[in-house]
PDB file of N, CA and C in Angstrom:
ATOM      1  N   MET A   1      10.144 -35.090  20.111  1.00  0.00           N
ATOM      2  CA  MET A   1      11.305 -34.745  19.313  1.00  0.00           C
ATOM      3  C   MET A   1      10.944 -33.572  18.405  1.00  0.00           C
ATOM      4  N   THR A   2      11.792 -32.568  18.357  1.00  0.00           N
ATOM      5  CA  THR A   2      11.568 -31.395  17.524  1.00  0.00           C
ATOM      6  C   THR A   2      12.254 -31.588  16.185  1.00  0.00           C
ATOM      7  N   GLU A   3      11.487 -31.385  15.129  1.00  0.00           N
ATOM      8  CA  GLU A   3      12.052 -31.504  13.788  1.00  0.00           C
ATOM      9  C   GLU A   3      12.517 -30.133  13.326  1.00  0.00           C
ATOM     10  N   ILE A   4      13.688 -30.045  12.763  1.00  0.00           N
ATOM     11  CA  ILE A   4      14.234 -28.777  12.284  1.00  0.00           C
ATOM     12  C   ILE A   4      13.932 -28.660  10.792  1.00  0.00           C
ATOM     13  N   LEU A   5      13.306 -27.554  10.452  1.00  0.00           N
ATOM     14  CA  LEU A   5      12.988 -27.274   9.052  1.00  0.00           C
ATOM     15  C   LEU A   5      14.199 -26.636   8.391  1.00  0.00           C
ATOM     16  N   GLN A   6      14.628 -27.194   7.290  1.00  0.00           N
ATOM     17  CA  GLN A   6      15.743 -26.622   6.544  1.00  0.00           C
ATOM     18  C   GLN A   6      15.299 -26.358   5.117  1.00  0.00           C
ATOM     19  N   PHE A   7      15.757 -25.256   4.612  1.00  0.00           N
ATOM     20  CA  PHE A   7      15.444 -24.917   3.238  1.00  0.00           C
ATOM     21  C   PHE A   7      16.505 -25.508   2.320  1.00  0.00           C
ATOM     22  N   PRO A   8      16.106 -25.914   1.127  1.00  0.00           N
ATOM     23  CA  PRO A   8      17.065 -26.526   0.206  1.00  0.00           C
ATOM     24  C   PRO A   8      18.114 -25.517  -0.267  1.00  0.00           C
ATOM     25  N   GLU A   9      19.249 -26.028  -0.668  1.00  0.00           N
ATOM     26  CA  GLU A   9      20.330 -25.204  -1.222  1.00  0.00           C
ATOM     27  C   GLU A   9      19.771 -24.378  -2.384  1.00  0.00           C
ATOM     28  N   GLY A  10      20.092 -23.095  -2.406  1.00  0.00           N
ATOM     29  CA  GLY A  10      19.632 -22.229  -3.492  1.00  0.00           C
ATOM     30  C   GLY A  10      18.224 -21.693  -3.316  1.00  0.00           C
ATOM     31  N   PHE A  11      17.588 -21.962  -2.166  1.00  0.00           N
ATOM     32  CA  PHE A  11      16.224 -21.481  -1.917  1.00  0.00           C
ATOM     33  C   PHE A  11      16.198 -19.961  -1.994  1.00  0.00           C
ATOM     34  N   LEU A  12      15.210 -19.409  -2.664  1.00  0.00           N
ATOM     35  CA  LEU A  12      15.073 -17.959  -2.790  1.00  0.00           C
ATOM     36  C   LEU A  12      13.807 -17.494  -2.082  1.00  0.00           C
ATOM     37  N   TRP A  13      13.953 -16.484  -1.263  1.00  0.00           N
ATOM     38  CA  TRP A  13      12.795 -15.873  -0.607  1.00  0.00           C
ATOM     39  C   TRP A  13      12.166 -14.877  -1.560  1.00  0.00           C
ATOM     40  N   GLY A  14      10.886 -14.681  -1.435  1.00  0.00           N
ATOM     41  CA  GLY A  14      10.175 -13.697  -2.241  1.00  0.00           C
ATOM     42  C   GLY A  14       9.423 -12.728  -1.348  1.00  0.00           C
ATOM     43  N   GLY A  15       8.916 -11.716  -1.935  1.00  0.00           N
ATOM     44  CA  GLY A  15       8.133 -10.738  -1.194  1.00  0.00           C
ATOM     45  C   GLY A  15       7.021 -10.210  -2.074  1.00  0.00           C
ATOM     46  N   ALA A  16       6.000  -9.665  -1.450  1.00  0.00           N
ATOM     47  CA  ALA A  16       4.890  -9.109  -2.209  1.00  0.00           C
ATOM     48  C   ALA A  16       4.273  -7.957  -1.429  1.00  0.00           C
ATOM     49  N   THR A  17       3.717  -7.026  -2.142  1.00  0.00           N
ATOM     50  CA  THR A  17       2.990  -5.915  -1.537  1.00  0.00           C
ATOM     51  C   THR A  17       1.777  -5.618  -2.402  1.00  0.00           C
ATOM     52  N   ALA A  18       0.906  -4.804  -1.882  1.00  0.00           N
ATOM     53  CA  ALA A  18      -0.208  -4.280  -2.667  1.00  0.00           C
ATOM     54  C   ALA A  18       0.121  -2.822  -2.978  1.00  0.00           C
ATOM     55  N   ALA A  19      -0.266  -2.356  -4.132  1.00  0.00           N
ATOM     56  CA  ALA A  19       0.065  -0.991  -4.546  1.00  0.00           C
ATOM     57  C   ALA A  19      -0.348   0.040  -3.509  1.00  0.00           C
ATOM     58  N   ASN A  20      -1.539  -0.118  -2.935  1.00  0.00           N
ATOM     59  CA  ASN A  20      -2.007   0.885  -1.976  1.00  0.00           C
ATOM     60  C   ASN A  20      -1.203   0.892  -0.684  1.00  0.00           C
ATOM     61  N   GLN A  21      -0.417  -0.151  -0.430  1.00  0.00           N
ATOM     62  CA  GLN A  21       0.427  -0.183   0.760  1.00  0.00           C
ATOM     63  C   GLN A  21       1.739   0.557   0.542  1.00  0.00           C
ATOM     64  N   CYS A  22       2.118   0.750  -0.700  1.00  0.00           N
ATOM     65  CA  CYS A  22       3.457   1.291  -0.900  1.00  0.00           C
ATOM     66  C   CYS A  22       3.558   2.490  -1.831  1.00  0.00           C
ATOM     67  N   GLU A  23       2.685   2.681  -2.772  1.00  0.00           N
ATOM     68  CA  GLU A  23       2.926   3.666  -3.819  1.00  0.00           C
ATOM     69  C   GLU A  23       3.051   5.110  -3.358  1.00  0.00           C
ATOM     70  N   GLY A  24       1.973   5.704  -2.905  1.00  0.00           N
ATOM     71  CA  GLY A  24       1.987   7.140  -2.676  1.00  0.00           C
ATOM     72  C   GLY A  24       2.029   7.850  -4.021  1.00  0.00           C
ATOM     73  N   ALA A  25       2.414   9.118  -4.013  1.00  0.00           N
ATOM     74  CA  ALA A  25       2.610   9.906  -5.241  1.00  0.00           C
ATOM     75  C   ALA A  25       1.386   9.953  -6.132  1.00  0.00           C
ATOM     76  N   HIS A  26       0.216  10.065  -5.532  1.00  0.00           N
ATOM     77  CA  HIS A  26      -1.026  10.102  -6.316  1.00  0.00           C
ATOM     78  C   HIS A  26      -1.085  11.286  -7.273  1.00  0.00           C
ATOM     79  N   ASN A  27      -0.339  12.337  -6.979  1.00  0.00           N
ATOM     80  CA  ASN A  27      -0.430  13.567  -7.767  1.00  0.00           C
ATOM     81  C   ASN A  27       0.827  13.849  -8.597  1.00  0.00           C
ATOM     82  N   LEU A  28       1.624  12.816  -8.867  1.00  0.00           N
ATOM     83  CA  LEU A  28       2.864  13.024  -9.621  1.00  0.00           C
ATOM     84  C   LEU A  28       2.877  12.230 -10.927  1.00  0.00           C
ATOM     85  N   ASP A  29       3.472  12.806 -11.925  1.00  0.00           N
ATOM     86  CA  ASP A  29       3.737  12.144 -13.210  1.00  0.00           C
ATOM     87  C   ASP A  29       2.494  11.562 -13.876  1.00  0.00           C
ATOM     88  N   GLY A  30       1.354  12.180 -13.655  1.00  0.00           N
ATOM     89  CA  GLY A  30       0.129  11.766 -14.327  1.00  0.00           C
ATOM     90  C   GLY A  30      -0.546  10.535 -13.764  1.00  0.00           C
ATOM     91  N   ARG A  31      -0.108  10.051 -12.608  1.00  0.00           N
ATOM     92  CA  ARG A  31      -0.722   8.843 -12.043  1.00  0.00           C
ATOM     93  C   ARG A  31      -2.210   9.052 -11.766  1.00  0.00           C
ATOM     94  N   GLY A  32      -2.566  10.083 -11.051  1.00  0.00           N
ATOM     95  CA  GLY A  32      -3.963  10.331 -10.713  1.00  0.00           C
ATOM     96  C   GLY A  32      -4.437   9.453  -9.571  1.00  0.00           C
ATOM     97  N   LEU A  33      -5.633   9.724  -9.108  1.00  0.00           N
ATOM     98  CA  LEU A  33      -6.203   8.994  -7.978  1.00  0.00           C
ATOM     99  C   LEU A  33      -6.724   7.626  -8.382  1.00  0.00           C
ATOM    100  N   ALA A  34      -6.472   6.661  -7.536  1.00  0.00           N
ATOM    101  CA  ALA A  34      -7.094   5.343  -7.653  1.00  0.00           C
ATOM    102  C   ALA A  34      -8.177   5.290  -6.577  1.00  0.00           C
ATOM    103  N   ASN A  35      -9.138   4.413  -6.739  1.00  0.00           N
ATOM    104  CA  ASN A  35     -10.225   4.356  -5.766  1.00  0.00           C
ATOM    105  C   ASN A  35      -9.719   4.103  -4.350  1.00  0.00           C
ATOM    106  N   VAL A  36      -8.691   3.298  -4.190  1.00  0.00           N
ATOM    107  CA  VAL A  36      -8.184   2.987  -2.859  1.00  0.00           C
ATOM    108  C   VAL A  36      -7.513   4.204  -2.208  1.00  0.00           C
ATOM    109  N   ASP A  37      -7.042   5.153  -3.003  1.00  0.00           N
ATOM    110  CA  ASP A  37      -6.411   6.350  -2.440  1.00  0.00           C
ATOM    111  C   ASP A  37      -7.380   7.151  -1.583  1.00  0.00           C
ATOM    112  N   VAL A  38      -8.630   7.174  -1.952  1.00  0.00           N
ATOM    113  CA  VAL A  38      -9.615   7.992  -1.237  1.00  0.00           C
ATOM    114  C   VAL A  38     -10.468   7.186  -0.256  1.00  0.00           C
ATOM    115  N   VAL A  39      -9.942   6.070   0.212  1.00  0.00           N
ATOM    116  CA  VAL A  39     -10.620   5.287   1.248  1.00  0.00           C
ATOM    117  C   VAL A  39      -9.950   5.613   2.586  1.00  0.00           C
ATOM    118  N   PRO A  40     -10.660   6.331   3.450  1.00  0.00           N
ATOM    119  CA  PRO A  40     -10.053   6.728   4.718  1.00  0.00           C
ATOM    120  C   PRO A  40     -10.179   5.650   5.790  1.00  0.00           C
ATOM    121  N   ILE A  41      -9.419   5.844   6.848  1.00  0.00           N
ATOM    122  CA  ILE A  41      -9.576   5.044   8.060  1.00  0.00           C
ATOM    123  C   ILE A  41     -10.709   5.691   8.848  1.00  0.00           C
ATOM    124  N   GLY A  42     -11.517   4.895   9.493  1.00  0.00           N
ATOM    125  CA  GLY A  42     -12.561   5.458  10.338  1.00  0.00           C
ATOM    126  C   GLY A  42     -13.912   4.833  10.102  1.00  0.00           C
ATOM    127  N   LYS A  43     -14.913   5.425  10.728  1.00  0.00           N
ATOM    128  CA  LYS A  43     -16.254   4.840  10.740  1.00  0.00           C
ATOM    129  C   LYS A  43     -16.917   4.785   9.362  1.00  0.00           C
ATOM    130  N   GLU A  44     -16.531   5.630   8.435  1.00  0.00           N
ATOM    131  CA  GLU A  44     -17.167   5.633   7.105  1.00  0.00           C
ATOM    132  C   GLU A  44     -16.432   4.763   6.086  1.00  0.00           C
ATOM    133  N   ARG A  45     -15.356   4.133   6.495  1.00  0.00           N
ATOM    134  CA  ARG A  45     -14.534   3.320   5.584  1.00  0.00           C
ATOM    135  C   ARG A  45     -15.355   2.265   4.837  1.00  0.00           C
ATOM    136  N   GLU A  46     -16.132   1.485   5.559  1.00  0.00           N
ATOM    137  CA  GLU A  46     -16.910   0.416   4.919  1.00  0.00           C
ATOM    138  C   GLU A  46     -17.922   0.969   3.925  1.00  0.00           C
ATOM    139  N   ALA A  47     -18.572   2.065   4.282  1.00  0.00           N
ATOM    140  CA  ALA A  47     -19.552   2.661   3.372  1.00  0.00           C
ATOM    141  C   ALA A  47     -18.896   3.129   2.082  1.00  0.00           C
ATOM    142  N   ILE A  48     -17.688   3.623   2.175  1.00  0.00           N
ATOM    143  CA  ILE A  48     -16.970   4.086   0.983  1.00  0.00           C
ATOM    144  C   ILE A  48     -16.500   2.898   0.153  1.00  0.00           C
ATOM    145  N   ILE A  49     -15.968   1.884   0.810  1.00  0.00           N
ATOM    146  CA  ILE A  49     -15.504   0.696   0.098  1.00  0.00           C
ATOM    147  C   ILE A  49     -16.648   0.004  -0.645  1.00  0.00           C
ATOM    148  N   THR A  50     -17.820  -0.045  -0.029  1.00  0.00           N
ATOM    149  CA  THR A  50     -18.964  -0.731  -0.635  1.00  0.00           C
ATOM    150  C   THR A  50     -19.765   0.157  -1.580  1.00  0.00           C
ATOM    151  N   GLY A  51     -19.371   1.425  -1.713  1.00  0.00           N
ATOM    152  CA  GLY A  51     -20.057   2.323  -2.642  1.00  0.00           C
ATOM    153  C   GLY A  51     -21.305   2.970  -2.091  1.00  0.00           C
ATOM    154  N   GLN A  52     -21.604   2.760  -0.830  1.00  0.00           N
ATOM    155  CA  GLN A  52     -22.771   3.404  -0.220  1.00  0.00           C
ATOM    156  C   GLN A  52     -22.538   4.902  -0.053  1.00  0.00           C
ATOM    157  N   LYS A  53     -21.295   5.290   0.105  1.00  0.00           N
ATOM    158  CA  LYS A  53     -20.917   6.709   0.161  1.00  0.00           C
ATOM    159  C   LYS A  53     -19.854   6.917  -0.913  1.00  0.00           C
ATOM    160  N   LYS A  54     -20.005   7.979  -1.673  1.00  0.00           N
ATOM    161  CA  LYS A  54     -19.050   8.293  -2.735  1.00  0.00           C
ATOM    162  C   LYS A  54     -18.024   9.298  -2.229  1.00  0.00           C
ATOM    163  N   MET A  55     -16.765   9.023  -2.510  1.00  0.00           N
ATOM    164  CA  MET A  55     -15.693   9.949  -2.169  1.00  0.00           C
ATOM    165  C   MET A  55     -14.754   9.972  -3.363  1.00  0.00           C
ATOM    166  N   PHE A  56     -14.646  11.150  -3.988  1.00  0.00           N
ATOM    167  CA  PHE A  56     -13.851  11.260  -5.207  1.00  0.00           C
ATOM    168  C   PHE A  56     -12.607  12.120  -5.044  1.00  0.00           C
ATOM    169  N   SER A  57     -12.394  12.617  -3.834  1.00  0.00           N
ATOM    170  CA  SER A  57     -11.206  13.408  -3.543  1.00  0.00           C
ATOM    171  C   SER A  57     -10.940  13.352  -2.049  1.00  0.00           C
ATOM    172  N   PHE A  58      -9.819  13.882  -1.644  1.00  0.00           N
ATOM    173  CA  PHE A  58      -9.484  13.909  -0.229  1.00  0.00           C
ATOM    174  C   PHE A  58     -10.304  14.998   0.455  1.00  0.00           C
ATOM    175  N   GLU A  59     -10.987  14.640   1.514  1.00  0.00           N
ATOM    176  CA  GLU A  59     -11.814  15.589   2.254  1.00  0.00           C
ATOM    177  C   GLU A  59     -11.190  15.860   3.616  1.00  0.00           C
ATOM    178  N   GLU A  60     -11.382  17.070   4.113  1.00  0.00           N
ATOM    179  CA  GLU A  60     -10.878  17.451   5.429  1.00  0.00           C
ATOM    180  C   GLU A  60     -11.468  16.539   6.499  1.00  0.00           C
ATOM    181  N   GLY A  61     -10.685  16.280   7.522  1.00  0.00           N
ATOM    182  CA  GLY A  61     -11.176  15.514   8.658  1.00  0.00           C
ATOM    183  C   GLY A  61     -11.007  14.008   8.551  1.00  0.00           C
ATOM    184  N   TYR A  62     -10.376  13.535   7.483  1.00  0.00           N
ATOM    185  CA  TYR A  62     -10.158  12.106   7.292  1.00  0.00           C
ATOM    186  C   TYR A  62      -8.663  11.825   7.168  1.00  0.00           C
ATOM    187  N   PHE A  63      -8.264  10.607   7.527  1.00  0.00           N
ATOM    188  CA  PHE A  63      -6.888  10.167   7.316  1.00  0.00           C
ATOM    189  C   PHE A  63      -6.918   9.096   6.230  1.00  0.00           C
ATOM    190  N   TYR A  64      -6.168   9.308   5.182  1.00  0.00           N
ATOM    191  CA  TYR A  64      -6.106   8.400   4.037  1.00  0.00           C
ATOM    192  C   TYR A  64      -4.750   7.692   4.021  1.00  0.00           C
ATOM    193  N   PRO A  65      -4.669   6.452   4.497  1.00  0.00           N
ATOM    194  CA  PRO A  65      -3.376   5.784   4.588  1.00  0.00           C
ATOM    195  C   PRO A  65      -2.688   5.551   3.242  1.00  0.00           C
ATOM    196  N   ALA A  66      -3.437   5.400   2.169  1.00  0.00           N
ATOM    197  CA  ALA A  66      -2.820   5.145   0.863  1.00  0.00           C
ATOM    198  C   ALA A  66      -2.353   6.428   0.182  1.00  0.00           C
ATOM    199  N   LYS A  67      -2.708   7.574   0.743  1.00  0.00           N
ATOM    200  CA  LYS A  67      -2.333   8.848   0.119  1.00  0.00           C
ATOM    201  C   LYS A  67      -0.819   8.954  -0.053  1.00  0.00           C
ATOM    202  N   GLU A  68      -0.079   8.622   0.985  1.00  0.00           N
ATOM    203  CA  GLU A  68       1.375   8.595   0.885  1.00  0.00           C
ATOM    204  C   GLU A  68       1.930   7.192   1.080  1.00  0.00           C
ATOM    205  N   ALA A  69       1.186   6.349   1.777  1.00  0.00           N
ATOM    206  CA  ALA A  69       1.615   4.979   2.065  1.00  0.00           C
ATOM    207  C   ALA A  69       3.048   4.993   2.585  1.00  0.00           C
ATOM    208  N   ILE A  70       3.902   4.108   2.108  1.00  0.00           N
ATOM    209  CA  ILE A  70       5.302   4.148   2.534  1.00  0.00           C
ATOM    210  C   ILE A  70       6.141   4.952   1.548  1.00  0.00           C
ATOM    211  N   ASP A  71       5.478   5.583   0.601  1.00  0.00           N
ATOM    212  CA  ASP A  71       6.118   6.442  -0.401  1.00  0.00           C
ATOM    213  C   ASP A  71       7.229   5.732  -1.161  1.00  0.00           C
ATOM    214  N   MET A  72       6.921   4.522  -1.602  1.00  0.00           N
ATOM    215  CA  MET A  72       7.891   3.757  -2.389  1.00  0.00           C
ATOM    216  C   MET A  72       8.236   4.468  -3.691  1.00  0.00           C
ATOM    217  N   TYR A  73       7.329   5.315  -4.153  1.00  0.00           N
ATOM    218  CA  TYR A  73       7.579   6.073  -5.381  1.00  0.00           C
ATOM    219  C   TYR A  73       8.904   6.825  -5.291  1.00  0.00           C
ATOM    220  N   HIS A  74       9.165   7.422  -4.139  1.00  0.00           N
ATOM    221  CA  HIS A  74      10.395   8.182  -3.963  1.00  0.00           C
ATOM    222  C   HIS A  74      11.534   7.380  -3.345  1.00  0.00           C
ATOM    223  N   HIS A  75      11.232   6.212  -2.791  1.00  0.00           N
ATOM    224  CA  HIS A  75      12.237   5.449  -2.053  1.00  0.00           C
ATOM    225  C   HIS A  75      12.437   4.030  -2.591  1.00  0.00           C
ATOM    226  N   TYR A  76      12.018   3.778  -3.819  1.00  0.00           N
ATOM    227  CA  TYR A  76      12.056   2.401  -4.321  1.00  0.00           C
ATOM    228  C   TYR A  76      13.464   1.810  -4.356  1.00  0.00           C
ATOM    229  N   LYS A  77      14.471   2.621  -4.641  1.00  0.00           N
ATOM    230  CA  LYS A  77      15.832   2.073  -4.695  1.00  0.00           C
ATOM    231  C   LYS A  77      16.274   1.573  -3.324  1.00  0.00           C
ATOM    232  N   GLU A  78      16.031   2.375  -2.288  1.00  0.00           N
ATOM    233  CA  GLU A  78      16.390   1.941  -0.936  1.00  0.00           C
ATOM    234  C   GLU A  78      15.540   0.750  -0.500  1.00  0.00           C
ATOM    235  N   ASP A  79      14.255   0.782  -0.852  1.00  0.00           N
ATOM    236  CA  ASP A  79      13.348  -0.309  -0.462  1.00  0.00           C
ATOM    237  C   ASP A  79      13.775  -1.633  -1.094  1.00  0.00           C
ATOM    238  N   ILE A  80      14.123  -1.607  -2.362  1.00  0.00           N
ATOM    239  CA  ILE A  80      14.551  -2.827  -3.045  1.00  0.00           C
ATOM    240  C   ILE A  80      15.894  -3.300  -2.492  1.00  0.00           C
ATOM    241  N   ALA A  81      16.762  -2.361  -2.151  1.00  0.00           N
ATOM    242  CA  ALA A  81      18.061  -2.733  -1.579  1.00  0.00           C
ATOM    243  C   ALA A  81      17.893  -3.488  -0.260  1.00  0.00           C
ATOM    244  N   LEU A  82      16.811  -3.228   0.458  1.00  0.00           N
ATOM    245  CA  LEU A  82      16.566  -3.923   1.713  1.00  0.00           C
ATOM    246  C   LEU A  82      16.355  -5.427   1.513  1.00  0.00           C
ATOM    247  N   PHE A  83      15.904  -5.825   0.340  1.00  0.00           N
ATOM    248  CA  PHE A  83      15.726  -7.251   0.059  1.00  0.00           C
ATOM    249  C   PHE A  83      17.054  -8.015   0.096  1.00  0.00           C
ATOM    250  N   ALA A  84      18.140  -7.314  -0.254  1.00  0.00           N
ATOM    251  CA  ALA A  84      19.445  -7.961  -0.279  1.00  0.00           C
ATOM    252  C   ALA A  84      19.828  -8.411   1.113  1.00  0.00           C
TER     253      ALA A  84
END
């Protein structure tokens, strides 16, 4: 027998993100770089995360996913409207 899961009346869904997944805008309004902004994808990622290699700015030849992320900085109104 299959049991059907039902949510109680008035149940509210929530959502969560991490800043590095959504922010972008590292160079606007005085935000500045966060350590996660300069962590690239690729073979040196672990060394940078663990501090074995220092990276203090964006270097050529790397892809930095948090650099723009989903650019919620510029699209937060539309992004929040999606929750509705």
